Amino acid sequence: MNPGDYTGNYLPFFIILVLELCIGALLYVFIVFVVCRDFIETKKLNGSYRILLCLAVSNVCLTMVMSVGLLDYFCSFGIFSKVNTTYIYFYLLFFTVSLCVWLSASLAFFYFIKISNFESGFLSWVKKRITSVIPWMLLGDLLVSLVSSLLSSLYFVFSGTLSGNTTDDSPSMISIFSKSGPTFINASIIDTIIPFFLMFTTMLSTILTLKKHRNRMKNVQTSDGEGWRSYERVVCRMTESLFVYGIFYTTMIIFYFTVIKQMKSRFWLLLLVLNAFTPVQSVLLILANPRLRAAWKEIFLCGHLQEMLTNCKEQNRQ
């Protein structure tokens, strides 16, 4: 597949796809910056920030891997001309995708453990030792991602669907998707179905727990109205996240049934929806975290300038 045949027709889709990748990468770099800045100031990193930092770094790596494939498609670098480099690329792609999903599941599990109450059992033990459990959880995410991506890559390699790709004058990531789409989607489902199931389960349980707690706080007539409103915001953000994850996986299944056909605009539309996952998730993470929201307002909404203007107005009134 020659990129020149599609560059003109699909250039708008390509531009939007690049914007999605750039926005997602910049937002996750912002998260890394805020977490590192807080760590330098406080000399400590809480549990959620540890997972969030790893999740941000993994998403930046995923964006870089996708960018390499898109640049090769657009500029014809010939990265996919050799089967070995193609296998290495898709292993890295499977690994970064798997790591991002497992870390997202770990973050959802962390909130589930922190918010839920357990009288006894394993989850009660985890809740009491969550700080010491998190490093092992992150290490487990890394090891499981390495193994699952290896299995997905082996399935992809031994399926034999890439045997005809080297006959193209300039094979690319897009041409491989269009020719071996079902195999790639099968491998992706194998790579992500377990963490997505865990993520759905823990997030849904957390949402139900938060709603019950919110109802109790609303029924009990206390002066702490801001308390249950904060819980309501958390429920809203987690529901939005669950909706985004559902859309992502549903689109992936739809992608499975359409990618086997000749590449049309529908292929690019679904590709845009799939890659919108990274920037949308980053926005939800920023909105759900008070420190990240405050840092966003401070850095990008000129928080210092607004504070100076407010002080000047107060001085003029006095």
C-alpha atoms as a PDB file:
ATOM      1  CA  MET A   1       0.000   0.000   0.000  1.00  0.00           C
ATOM      2  CA  ASN A   2       1.541   3.232  -1.113  1.00  0.00           C
ATOM      3  CA  PRO A   3       0.899   6.119   1.270  1.00  0.00           C
ATOM      4  CA  GLY A   4       0.728   8.500  -1.607  1.00  0.00           C
ATOM      5  CA  ASP A   5      -2.471   6.813  -2.762  1.00  0.00           C
ATOM      6  CA  TYR A   6      -4.238   7.772   0.452  1.00  0.00           C
ATOM      7  CA  THR A   7      -2.514  10.878   1.730  1.00  0.00           C
ATOM      8  CA  GLY A   8      -4.742  13.247  -0.212  1.00  0.00           C
ATOM      9  CA  ASN A   9      -8.053  11.508   0.464  1.00  0.00           C
ATOM     10  CA  TYR A  10      -7.398  10.754   4.120  1.00  0.00           C
ATOM     11  CA  LEU A  11      -5.255  13.738   5.065  1.00  0.00           C
ATOM     12  CA  PRO A  12      -8.008  15.281   7.297  1.00  0.00           C
ATOM     13  CA  PHE A  13      -8.292  11.996   9.223  1.00  0.00           C
ATOM     14  CA  PHE A  14      -4.530  11.842   9.536  1.00  0.00           C
ATOM     15  CA  ILE A  15      -4.378  15.403  10.879  1.00  0.00           C
ATOM     16  CA  ILE A  16      -7.087  14.690  13.479  1.00  0.00           C
ATOM     17  CA  LEU A  17      -5.293  11.494  14.469  1.00  0.00           C
ATOM     18  CA  VAL A  18      -2.036  13.402  14.960  1.00  0.00           C
ATOM     19  CA  LEU A  19      -3.864  16.032  17.033  1.00  0.00           C
ATOM     20  CA  GLU A  20      -5.329  13.294  19.241  1.00  0.00           C
ATOM     21  CA  LEU A  21      -1.911  11.791  19.820  1.00  0.00           C
ATOM     22  CA  CYS A  22      -0.303  15.178  20.505  1.00  0.00           C
ATOM     23  CA  ILE A  23      -3.034  16.318  22.901  1.00  0.00           C
ATOM     24  CA  GLY A  24      -2.968  13.019  24.767  1.00  0.00           C
ATOM     25  CA  ALA A  25       0.820  13.057  25.047  1.00  0.00           C
ATOM     26  CA  LEU A  26       0.925  16.695  26.222  1.00  0.00           C
ATOM     27  CA  LEU A  27      -1.758  16.100  28.849  1.00  0.00           C
ATOM     28  CA  TYR A  28       0.055  13.068  30.226  1.00  0.00           C
ATOM     29  CA  VAL A  29       3.358  14.968  30.207  1.00  0.00           C
ATOM     30  CA  PHE A  30       1.519  17.620  32.226  1.00  0.00           C
ATOM     31  CA  ILE A  31       0.421  14.932  34.710  1.00  0.00           C
ATOM     32  CA  VAL A  32       4.010  13.678  34.995  1.00  0.00           C
ATOM     33  CA  PHE A  33       5.210  17.246  35.577  1.00  0.00           C
ATOM     34  CA  VAL A  34       2.660  17.915  38.344  1.00  0.00           C
ATOM     35  CA  VAL A  35       3.331  14.616  40.110  1.00  0.00           C
ATOM     36  CA  CYS A  36       7.108  15.127  39.970  1.00  0.00           C
ATOM     37  CA  ARG A  37       6.765  18.725  41.156  1.00  0.00           C
ATOM     38  CA  ASP A  38       4.664  17.660  44.142  1.00  0.00           C
ATOM     39  CA  PHE A  39       7.165  14.916  44.932  1.00  0.00           C
ATOM     40  CA  ILE A  40      10.055  17.419  44.919  1.00  0.00           C
ATOM     41  CA  GLU A  41       8.120  19.759  47.206  1.00  0.00           C
ATOM     42  CA  THR A  42       6.728  17.208  49.656  1.00  0.00           C
ATOM     43  CA  LYS A  43       9.413  14.478  49.378  1.00  0.00           C
ATOM     44  CA  LYS A  44       6.660  11.840  49.315  1.00  0.00           C
ATOM     45  CA  LEU A  45       4.324  10.248  46.802  1.00  0.00           C
ATOM     46  CA  ASN A  46       0.943   8.843  47.824  1.00  0.00           C
ATOM     47  CA  GLY A  47      -0.482   5.639  46.407  1.00  0.00           C
ATOM     48  CA  SER A  48      -2.731   7.074  43.727  1.00  0.00           C
ATOM     49  CA  TYR A  49       0.043   9.375  42.475  1.00  0.00           C
ATOM     50  CA  ARG A  50       2.410   6.419  42.064  1.00  0.00           C
ATOM     51  CA  ILE A  51      -0.072   4.616  39.867  1.00  0.00           C
ATOM     52  CA  LEU A  52      -0.973   7.832  38.057  1.00  0.00           C
ATOM     53  CA  LEU A  53       2.684   8.560  37.301  1.00  0.00           C
ATOM     54  CA  CYS A  54       3.231   5.083  35.840  1.00  0.00           C
ATOM     55  CA  LEU A  55      -0.006   5.344  33.859  1.00  0.00           C
ATOM     56  CA  ALA A  56       1.020   8.721  32.420  1.00  0.00           C
ATOM     57  CA  VAL A  57       4.478   7.465  31.408  1.00  0.00           C
ATOM     58  CA  SER A  58       3.019   4.347  29.781  1.00  0.00           C
ATOM     59  CA  ASN A  59       0.520   6.417  27.795  1.00  0.00           C
ATOM     60  CA  VAL A  60       3.302   8.709  26.584  1.00  0.00           C
ATOM     61  CA  CYS A  61       5.214   5.603  25.439  1.00  0.00           C
ATOM     62  CA  LEU A  62       2.106   4.297  23.675  1.00  0.00           C
ATOM     63  CA  THR A  63       1.730   7.630  21.888  1.00  0.00           C
ATOM     64  CA  MET A  64       5.350   7.483  20.774  1.00  0.00           C
ATOM     65  CA  VAL A  65       4.922   3.949  19.391  1.00  0.00           C
ATOM     66  CA  MET A  66       1.770   4.961  17.496  1.00  0.00           C
ATOM     67  CA  SER A  67       3.496   8.093  16.201  1.00  0.00           C
ATOM     68  CA  VAL A  68       6.344   6.038  14.765  1.00  0.00           C
ATOM     69  CA  GLY A  69       3.850   3.902  12.831  1.00  0.00           C
ATOM     70  CA  LEU A  70       1.950   6.932  11.521  1.00  0.00           C
ATOM     71  CA  LEU A  71       5.134   8.749  10.506  1.00  0.00           C
ATOM     72  CA  ASP A  72       6.241   5.673   8.612  1.00  0.00           C
ATOM     73  CA  TYR A  73       2.871   5.555   6.850  1.00  0.00           C
ATOM     74  CA  PHE A  74       3.058   9.222   5.895  1.00  0.00           C
ATOM     75  CA  CYS A  75       6.779   9.509   5.087  1.00  0.00           C
ATOM     76  CA  SER A  76       7.532   5.939   3.889  1.00  0.00           C
ATOM     77  CA  PHE A  77      10.549   5.249   6.107  1.00  0.00           C
ATOM     78  CA  GLY A  78      10.330   1.525   5.335  1.00  0.00           C
ATOM     79  CA  ILE A  79      10.204   0.423   8.980  1.00  0.00           C
ATOM     80  CA  PHE A  80       7.792  -2.399   8.118  1.00  0.00           C
ATOM     81  CA  SER A  81       9.705  -3.624   5.075  1.00  0.00           C
ATOM     82  CA  LYS A  82      11.280  -6.393   7.172  1.00  0.00           C
ATOM     83  CA  VAL A  83       9.196  -8.939   9.021  1.00  0.00           C
ATOM     84  CA  ASN A  84      11.454  -8.895  12.113  1.00  0.00           C
ATOM     85  CA  THR A  85      11.084  -5.156  12.654  1.00  0.00           C
ATOM     86  CA  THR A  86       7.343  -5.533  12.119  1.00  0.00           C
ATOM     87  CA  TYR A  87       7.154  -8.160  14.867  1.00  0.00           C
ATOM     88  CA  ILE A  88       9.215  -5.982  17.219  1.00  0.00           C
ATOM     89  CA  TYR A  89       6.996  -2.981  16.542  1.00  0.00           C
ATOM     90  CA  PHE A  90       3.775  -4.861  17.211  1.00  0.00           C
ATOM     91  CA  TYR A  91       5.218  -6.406  20.362  1.00  0.00           C
ATOM     92  CA  LEU A  92       5.979  -2.903  21.649  1.00  0.00           C
ATOM     93  CA  LEU A  93       2.489  -1.806  20.629  1.00  0.00           C
ATOM     94  CA  PHE A  94       0.859  -4.747  22.416  1.00  0.00           C
ATOM     95  CA  PHE A  95       3.040  -4.174  25.469  1.00  0.00           C
ATOM     96  CA  THR A  96       2.279  -0.450  25.831  1.00  0.00           C
ATOM     97  CA  VAL A  97      -1.444  -1.017  25.289  1.00  0.00           C
ATOM     98  CA  SER A  98      -1.494  -3.851  27.834  1.00  0.00           C
ATOM     99  CA  LEU A  99       0.482  -1.833  30.376  1.00  0.00           C
ATOM    100  CA  CYS A 100      -1.835   1.171  30.022  1.00  0.00           C
ATOM    101  CA  VAL A 101      -4.924  -0.962  30.543  1.00  0.00           C
ATOM    102  CA  TRP A 102      -3.456  -2.890  33.494  1.00  0.00           C
ATOM    103  CA  LEU A 103      -2.383   0.358  35.185  1.00  0.00           C
ATOM    104  CA  SER A 104      -5.847   1.813  34.602  1.00  0.00           C
ATOM    105  CA  ALA A 105      -7.294  -1.298  36.229  1.00  0.00           C
ATOM    106  CA  SER A 106      -4.871  -0.884  39.141  1.00  0.00           C
ATOM    107  CA  LEU A 107      -5.946   2.734  39.612  1.00  0.00           C
ATOM    108  CA  ALA A 108      -9.605   1.668  39.626  1.00  0.00           C
ATOM    109  CA  PHE A 109      -8.776  -1.105  42.116  1.00  0.00           C
ATOM    110  CA  PHE A 110      -6.945   1.398  44.350  1.00  0.00           C
ATOM    111  CA  TYR A 111     -10.005   3.663  44.563  1.00  0.00           C
ATOM    112  CA  PHE A 112     -12.205   0.626  45.162  1.00  0.00           C
ATOM    113  CA  ILE A 113     -10.004  -0.466  48.097  1.00  0.00           C
ATOM    114  CA  LYS A 114      -9.775   3.045  49.574  1.00  0.00           C
ATOM    115  CA  ILE A 115     -13.492   3.779  49.370  1.00  0.00           C
ATOM    116  CA  SER A 116     -15.020   0.401  50.256  1.00  0.00           C
ATOM    117  CA  ASN A 117     -15.180  -1.036  53.767  1.00  0.00           C
ATOM    118  CA  PHE A 118     -14.233  -4.645  54.441  1.00  0.00           C
ATOM    119  CA  GLU A 119     -14.759  -6.324  57.802  1.00  0.00           C
ATOM    120  CA  SER A 120     -12.366  -9.214  57.150  1.00  0.00           C
ATOM    121  CA  GLY A 121     -10.719 -11.269  54.452  1.00  0.00           C
ATOM    122  CA  PHE A 122      -8.051 -10.636  51.860  1.00  0.00           C
ATOM    123  CA  LEU A 123      -9.393  -7.252  50.718  1.00  0.00           C
ATOM    124  CA  SER A 124      -9.408  -6.044  54.321  1.00  0.00           C
ATOM    125  CA  TRP A 125      -5.750  -7.059  54.616  1.00  0.00           C
ATOM    126  CA  VAL A 126      -4.954  -5.232  51.351  1.00  0.00           C
ATOM    127  CA  LYS A 127      -6.767  -2.091  52.547  1.00  0.00           C
ATOM    128  CA  LYS A 128      -4.678  -1.957  55.735  1.00  0.00           C
ATOM    129  CA  ARG A 129      -1.406  -2.418  53.801  1.00  0.00           C
ATOM    130  CA  ILE A 130      -2.280  -0.601  50.575  1.00  0.00           C
ATOM    131  CA  THR A 131       0.830   1.609  50.726  1.00  0.00           C
ATOM    132  CA  SER A 132       3.202  -1.363  50.755  1.00  0.00           C
ATOM    133  CA  VAL A 133       1.057  -3.311  48.274  1.00  0.00           C
ATOM    134  CA  ILE A 134       1.149  -0.676  45.518  1.00  0.00           C
ATOM    135  CA  PRO A 135       4.826  -1.216  44.452  1.00  0.00           C
ATOM    136  CA  TRP A 136       4.138  -4.942  44.119  1.00  0.00           C
ATOM    137  CA  MET A 137       0.970  -4.162  42.195  1.00  0.00           C
ATOM    138  CA  LEU A 138       2.920  -1.977  39.752  1.00  0.00           C
ATOM    139  CA  LEU A 139       5.581  -4.652  39.353  1.00  0.00           C
ATOM    140  CA  GLY A 140       2.834  -7.200  38.721  1.00  0.00           C
ATOM    141  CA  ASP A 141       1.314  -4.948  36.047  1.00  0.00           C
ATOM    142  CA  LEU A 142       4.690  -4.754  34.313  1.00  0.00           C
ATOM    143  CA  LEU A 143       5.329  -8.515  34.416  1.00  0.00           C
ATOM    144  CA  VAL A 144       1.803  -9.449  33.341  1.00  0.00           C
ATOM    145  CA  SER A 145       1.982  -6.948  30.470  1.00  0.00           C
ATOM    146  CA  LEU A 146       5.290  -8.419  29.311  1.00  0.00           C
ATOM    147  CA  VAL A 147       3.851 -11.937  29.316  1.00  0.00           C
ATOM    148  CA  SER A 148       0.440 -11.106  27.817  1.00  0.00           C
ATOM    149  CA  SER A 149       1.975  -8.980  25.054  1.00  0.00           C
ATOM    150  CA  LEU A 150       4.412 -11.819  24.306  1.00  0.00           C
ATOM    151  CA  LEU A 151       1.515 -14.276  23.964  1.00  0.00           C
ATOM    152  CA  SER A 152      -0.398 -11.814  21.779  1.00  0.00           C
ATOM    153  CA  SER A 153       2.666 -11.260  19.613  1.00  0.00           C
ATOM    154  CA  LEU A 154       3.254 -15.009  19.239  1.00  0.00           C
ATOM    155  CA  TYR A 155      -0.367 -15.432  18.177  1.00  0.00           C
ATOM    156  CA  PHE A 156       0.127 -12.605  15.700  1.00  0.00           C
ATOM    157  CA  VAL A 157       3.399 -14.081  14.385  1.00  0.00           C
ATOM    158  CA  PHE A 158       2.287 -17.697  13.974  1.00  0.00           C
ATOM    159  CA  SER A 159      -1.045 -16.773  12.393  1.00  0.00           C
ATOM    160  CA  GLY A 160       0.805 -16.294   9.092  1.00  0.00           C
ATOM    161  CA  THR A 161      -1.189 -13.195   8.173  1.00  0.00           C
ATOM    162  CA  LEU A 162       1.952 -11.079   7.734  1.00  0.00           C
ATOM    163  CA  SER A 163       3.508 -13.357   5.141  1.00  0.00           C
ATOM    164  CA  GLY A 164       2.195 -11.277   2.266  1.00  0.00           C
ATOM    165  CA  ASN A 165       2.978  -7.854   3.669  1.00  0.00           C
ATOM    166  CA  THR A 166       6.580  -7.817   2.474  1.00  0.00           C
ATOM    167  CA  THR A 167       5.418  -7.876  -1.156  1.00  0.00           C
ATOM    168  CA  ASP A 168       4.166  -4.296  -0.848  1.00  0.00           C
ATOM    169  CA  ASP A 169       6.406  -1.596  -2.259  1.00  0.00           C
ATOM    170  CA  SER A 170       6.043   0.378   0.963  1.00  0.00           C
ATOM    171  CA  PRO A 171       4.245  -1.583   3.703  1.00  0.00           C
ATOM    172  CA  SER A 172       3.015   0.448   6.657  1.00  0.00           C
ATOM    173  CA  MET A 173       1.132   0.052   9.901  1.00  0.00           C
ATOM    174  CA  ILE A 174      -2.118   0.999   8.142  1.00  0.00           C
ATOM    175  CA  SER A 175      -1.613  -1.530   5.354  1.00  0.00           C
ATOM    176  CA  ILE A 176      -0.884  -4.261   7.909  1.00  0.00           C
ATOM    177  CA  PHE A 177      -4.053  -3.338   9.819  1.00  0.00           C
ATOM    178  CA  SER A 178      -6.089  -3.513   6.615  1.00  0.00           C
ATOM    179  CA  LYS A 179      -4.661  -6.920   5.606  1.00  0.00           C
ATOM    180  CA  SER A 180      -4.327  -8.656   8.966  1.00  0.00           C
ATOM    181  CA  GLY A 181      -6.982  -6.778  10.912  1.00  0.00           C
ATOM    182  CA  PRO A 182      -8.883  -9.759  12.386  1.00  0.00           C
ATOM    183  CA  THR A 183      -5.658 -11.297  13.701  1.00  0.00           C
ATOM    184  CA  PHE A 184      -4.537  -8.005  15.223  1.00  0.00           C
ATOM    185  CA  ILE A 185      -7.889  -7.417  16.916  1.00  0.00           C
ATOM    186  CA  ASN A 186      -7.947 -10.997  18.247  1.00  0.00           C
ATOM    187  CA  ALA A 187      -4.471 -10.453  19.692  1.00  0.00           C
ATOM    188  CA  SER A 188      -5.551  -7.111  21.191  1.00  0.00           C
ATOM    189  CA  ILE A 189      -8.591  -8.694  22.842  1.00  0.00           C
ATOM    190  CA  ILE A 190      -6.380 -11.426  24.296  1.00  0.00           C
ATOM    191  CA  ASP A 191      -4.056  -8.681  25.531  1.00  0.00           C
ATOM    192  CA  THR A 192      -6.687  -6.509  27.234  1.00  0.00           C
ATOM    193  CA  ILE A 193      -9.830  -8.464  28.083  1.00  0.00           C
ATOM    194  CA  ILE A 194      -8.794  -9.467  31.640  1.00  0.00           C
ATOM    195  CA  PRO A 195      -7.729  -5.972  32.835  1.00  0.00           C
ATOM    196  CA  PHE A 196     -10.790  -4.416  31.194  1.00  0.00           C
ATOM    197  CA  PHE A 197     -13.037  -6.884  33.004  1.00  0.00           C
ATOM    198  CA  LEU A 198     -11.317  -6.107  36.318  1.00  0.00           C
ATOM    199  CA  MET A 199     -11.597  -2.388  35.620  1.00  0.00           C
ATOM    200  CA  PHE A 200     -15.315  -2.595  34.877  1.00  0.00           C
ATOM    201  CA  THR A 201     -15.963  -4.692  37.975  1.00  0.00           C
ATOM    202  CA  THR A 202     -14.036  -2.506  40.429  1.00  0.00           C
ATOM    203  CA  MET A 203     -15.260   0.796  38.983  1.00  0.00           C
ATOM    204  CA  LEU A 204     -18.873  -0.345  39.008  1.00  0.00           C
ATOM    205  CA  SER A 205     -18.518  -1.537  42.605  1.00  0.00           C
ATOM    206  CA  THR A 206     -16.923   1.786  43.563  1.00  0.00           C
ATOM    207  CA  ILE A 207     -19.707   3.768  41.909  1.00  0.00           C
ATOM    208  CA  LEU A 208     -22.372   1.786  43.770  1.00  0.00           C
ATOM    209  CA  THR A 209     -20.508   2.238  47.062  1.00  0.00           C
ATOM    210  CA  LEU A 210     -20.165   5.979  46.520  1.00  0.00           C
ATOM    211  CA  LYS A 211     -23.826   6.344  45.634  1.00  0.00           C
ATOM    212  CA  LYS A 212     -24.867   4.530  48.818  1.00  0.00           C
ATOM    213  CA  HIS A 213     -22.565   6.737  50.893  1.00  0.00           C
ATOM    214  CA  ARG A 214     -23.835   9.852  49.152  1.00  0.00           C
ATOM    215  CA  ASN A 215     -27.441   8.892  49.864  1.00  0.00           C
ATOM    216  CA  ARG A 216     -26.591   8.344  53.536  1.00  0.00           C
ATOM    217  CA  MET A 217     -24.939  11.756  53.729  1.00  0.00           C
ATOM    218  CA  LYS A 218     -27.935  13.393  52.055  1.00  0.00           C
ATOM    219  CA  ASN A 219     -30.451  11.633  54.328  1.00  0.00           C
ATOM    220  CA  VAL A 220     -28.557  12.555  57.489  1.00  0.00           C
ATOM    221  CA  GLN A 221     -29.179  16.261  57.961  1.00  0.00           C
ATOM    222  CA  THR A 222     -25.678  17.568  58.583  1.00  0.00           C
ATOM    223  CA  SER A 223     -24.077  20.887  57.844  1.00  0.00           C
ATOM    224  CA  ASP A 224     -21.437  19.233  55.705  1.00  0.00           C
ATOM    225  CA  GLY A 225     -23.227  19.785  52.403  1.00  0.00           C
ATOM    226  CA  GLU A 226     -19.958  20.157  50.557  1.00  0.00           C
ATOM    227  CA  GLY A 227     -18.998  16.636  51.679  1.00  0.00           C
ATOM    228  CA  TRP A 228     -21.706  14.798  49.800  1.00  0.00           C
ATOM    229  CA  ARG A 229     -21.327  17.147  46.822  1.00  0.00           C
ATOM    230  CA  SER A 230     -17.677  16.116  46.577  1.00  0.00           C
ATOM    231  CA  TYR A 231     -18.778  12.484  46.623  1.00  0.00           C
ATOM    232  CA  GLU A 232     -21.274  13.311  43.901  1.00  0.00           C
ATOM    233  CA  ARG A 233     -18.496  14.744  41.735  1.00  0.00           C
ATOM    234  CA  VAL A 234     -16.394  11.627  42.266  1.00  0.00           C
ATOM    235  CA  VAL A 235     -19.311   9.415  41.239  1.00  0.00           C
ATOM    236  CA  CYS A 236     -19.854  11.559  38.158  1.00  0.00           C
ATOM    237  CA  ARG A 237     -16.194  11.334  37.082  1.00  0.00           C
ATOM    238  CA  MET A 238     -16.011   7.591  37.629  1.00  0.00           C
ATOM    239  CA  THR A 239     -19.247   7.069  35.701  1.00  0.00           C
ATOM    240  CA  GLU A 240     -17.815   9.098  32.826  1.00  0.00           C
ATOM    241  CA  SER A 241     -14.638   7.025  32.913  1.00  0.00           C
ATOM    242  CA  LEU A 242     -16.624   3.791  32.883  1.00  0.00           C
ATOM    243  CA  PHE A 243     -18.609   5.084  29.907  1.00  0.00           C
ATOM    244  CA  VAL A 244     -15.390   5.955  28.049  1.00  0.00           C
ATOM    245  CA  TYR A 245     -13.922   2.501  28.695  1.00  0.00           C
ATOM    246  CA  GLY A 246     -17.163   0.905  27.462  1.00  0.00           C
ATOM    247  CA  ILE A 247     -17.127   2.985  24.282  1.00  0.00           C
ATOM    248  CA  PHE A 248     -13.492   2.054  23.707  1.00  0.00           C
ATOM    249  CA  TYR A 249     -14.058  -1.667  23.993  1.00  0.00           C
ATOM    250  CA  THR A 250     -17.303  -1.543  21.978  1.00  0.00           C
ATOM    251  CA  THR A 251     -15.489   0.326  19.224  1.00  0.00           C
ATOM    252  CA  MET A 252     -12.752  -2.258  19.318  1.00  0.00           C
ATOM    253  CA  ILE A 253     -15.317  -5.000  18.693  1.00  0.00           C
ATOM    254  CA  ILE A 254     -16.882  -2.986  15.861  1.00  0.00           C
ATOM    255  CA  PHE A 255     -13.379  -2.468  14.504  1.00  0.00           C
ATOM    256  CA  TYR A 256     -13.047  -6.253  14.432  1.00  0.00           C
ATOM    257  CA  PHE A 257     -15.969  -6.596  12.017  1.00  0.00           C
ATOM    258  CA  THR A 258     -15.062  -3.705   9.697  1.00  0.00           C
ATOM    259  CA  VAL A 259     -11.275  -3.808   9.424  1.00  0.00           C
ATOM    260  CA  ILE A 260     -11.375  -6.980   7.295  1.00  0.00           C
ATOM    261  CA  LYS A 261     -12.841  -4.997   4.418  1.00  0.00           C
ATOM    262  CA  GLN A 262     -11.011  -2.704   2.029  1.00  0.00           C
ATOM    263  CA  MET A 263      -9.811   0.432   3.806  1.00  0.00           C
ATOM    264  CA  LYS A 264     -12.462   3.133   3.551  1.00  0.00           C
ATOM    265  CA  SER A 265     -13.307   6.258   5.509  1.00  0.00           C
ATOM    266  CA  ARG A 266     -15.092   4.037   8.039  1.00  0.00           C
ATOM    267  CA  PHE A 267     -11.754   2.450   8.878  1.00  0.00           C
ATOM    268  CA  TRP A 268     -10.246   5.857   9.655  1.00  0.00           C
ATOM    269  CA  LEU A 269     -13.262   6.975  11.671  1.00  0.00           C
ATOM    270  CA  LEU A 270     -12.986   3.938  13.914  1.00  0.00           C
ATOM    271  CA  LEU A 271      -9.231   4.477  14.193  1.00  0.00           C
ATOM    272  CA  LEU A 272      -9.904   8.040  15.345  1.00  0.00           C
ATOM    273  CA  VAL A 273     -12.363   6.830  17.991  1.00  0.00           C
ATOM    274  CA  LEU A 274      -9.910   4.230  19.282  1.00  0.00           C
ATOM    275  CA  ASN A 275      -7.062   6.735  19.554  1.00  0.00           C
ATOM    276  CA  ALA A 276      -9.333   9.277  21.255  1.00  0.00           C
ATOM    277  CA  PHE A 277      -9.125   7.029  24.332  1.00  0.00           C
ATOM    278  CA  THR A 278      -5.787   8.500  25.455  1.00  0.00           C
ATOM    279  CA  PRO A 279      -6.710  12.228  25.462  1.00  0.00           C
ATOM    280  CA  VAL A 280     -10.190  11.575  26.873  1.00  0.00           C
ATOM    281  CA  GLN A 281      -8.798   9.452  29.712  1.00  0.00           C
ATOM    282  CA  SER A 282      -6.175  12.105  30.501  1.00  0.00           C
ATOM    283  CA  VAL A 283      -8.849  14.834  30.668  1.00  0.00           C
ATOM    284  CA  LEU A 284     -10.986  12.726  33.017  1.00  0.00           C
ATOM    285  CA  LEU A 285      -7.993  12.018  35.249  1.00  0.00           C
ATOM    286  CA  ILE A 286      -7.176  15.726  35.477  1.00  0.00           C
ATOM    287  CA  LEU A 287     -10.782  16.674  36.240  1.00  0.00           C
ATOM    288  CA  ALA A 288     -11.094  13.965  38.891  1.00  0.00           C
ATOM    289  CA  ASN A 289      -7.938  14.956  40.789  1.00  0.00           C
ATOM    290  CA  PRO A 290      -8.095  18.243  42.778  1.00  0.00           C
ATOM    291  CA  ARG A 291      -4.323  18.817  42.641  1.00  0.00           C
ATOM    292  CA  LEU A 292      -4.186  18.281  38.894  1.00  0.00           C
ATOM    293  CA  ARG A 293      -7.162  20.621  38.394  1.00  0.00           C
ATOM    294  CA  ALA A 294      -5.529  23.291  40.521  1.00  0.00           C
ATOM    295  CA  ALA A 295      -2.232  22.919  38.667  1.00  0.00           C
ATOM    296  CA  TRP A 296      -4.045  23.142  35.336  1.00  0.00           C
ATOM    297  CA  LYS A 297      -5.727  26.403  36.360  1.00  0.00           C
ATOM    298  CA  GLU A 298      -2.476  27.734  37.742  1.00  0.00           C
ATOM    299  CA  ILE A 299      -0.358  26.945  34.687  1.00  0.00           C
ATOM    300  CA  PHE A 300      -2.710  27.225  31.729  1.00  0.00           C
ATOM    301  CA  LEU A 301      -5.381  29.584  33.010  1.00  0.00           C
ATOM    302  CA  CYS A 302      -2.876  32.104  34.394  1.00  0.00           C
ATOM    303  CA  GLY A 303      -3.699  31.448  38.027  1.00  0.00           C
ATOM    304  CA  HIS A 304      -0.967  33.791  39.273  1.00  0.00           C
ATOM    305  CA  LEU A 305      -2.213  36.579  37.020  1.00  0.00           C
ATOM    306  CA  GLN A 306      -5.783  36.146  38.256  1.00  0.00           C
ATOM    307  CA  GLU A 307      -4.565  36.212  41.861  1.00  0.00           C
ATOM    308  CA  MET A 308      -2.621  39.427  41.213  1.00  0.00           C
ATOM    309  CA  LEU A 309      -5.664  41.066  39.611  1.00  0.00           C
ATOM    310  CA  THR A 310      -7.834  40.011  42.559  1.00  0.00           C
ATOM    311  CA  ASN A 311      -5.333  41.479  45.037  1.00  0.00           C
ATOM    312  CA  CYS A 312      -5.162  44.717  43.069  1.00  0.00           C
ATOM    313  CA  LYS A 313      -8.957  45.047  43.092  1.00  0.00           C
ATOM    314  CA  GLU A 314      -9.077  44.465  46.846  1.00  0.00           C
ATOM    315  CA  GLN A 315      -6.391  47.069  47.424  1.00  0.00           C
ATOM    316  CA  ASN A 316      -8.263  49.589  45.268  1.00  0.00           C
ATOM    317  CA  ARG A 317     -11.444  48.978  47.249  1.00  0.00           C
ATOM    318  CA  GLN A 318      -9.607  49.604  50.495  1.00  0.00           C
END
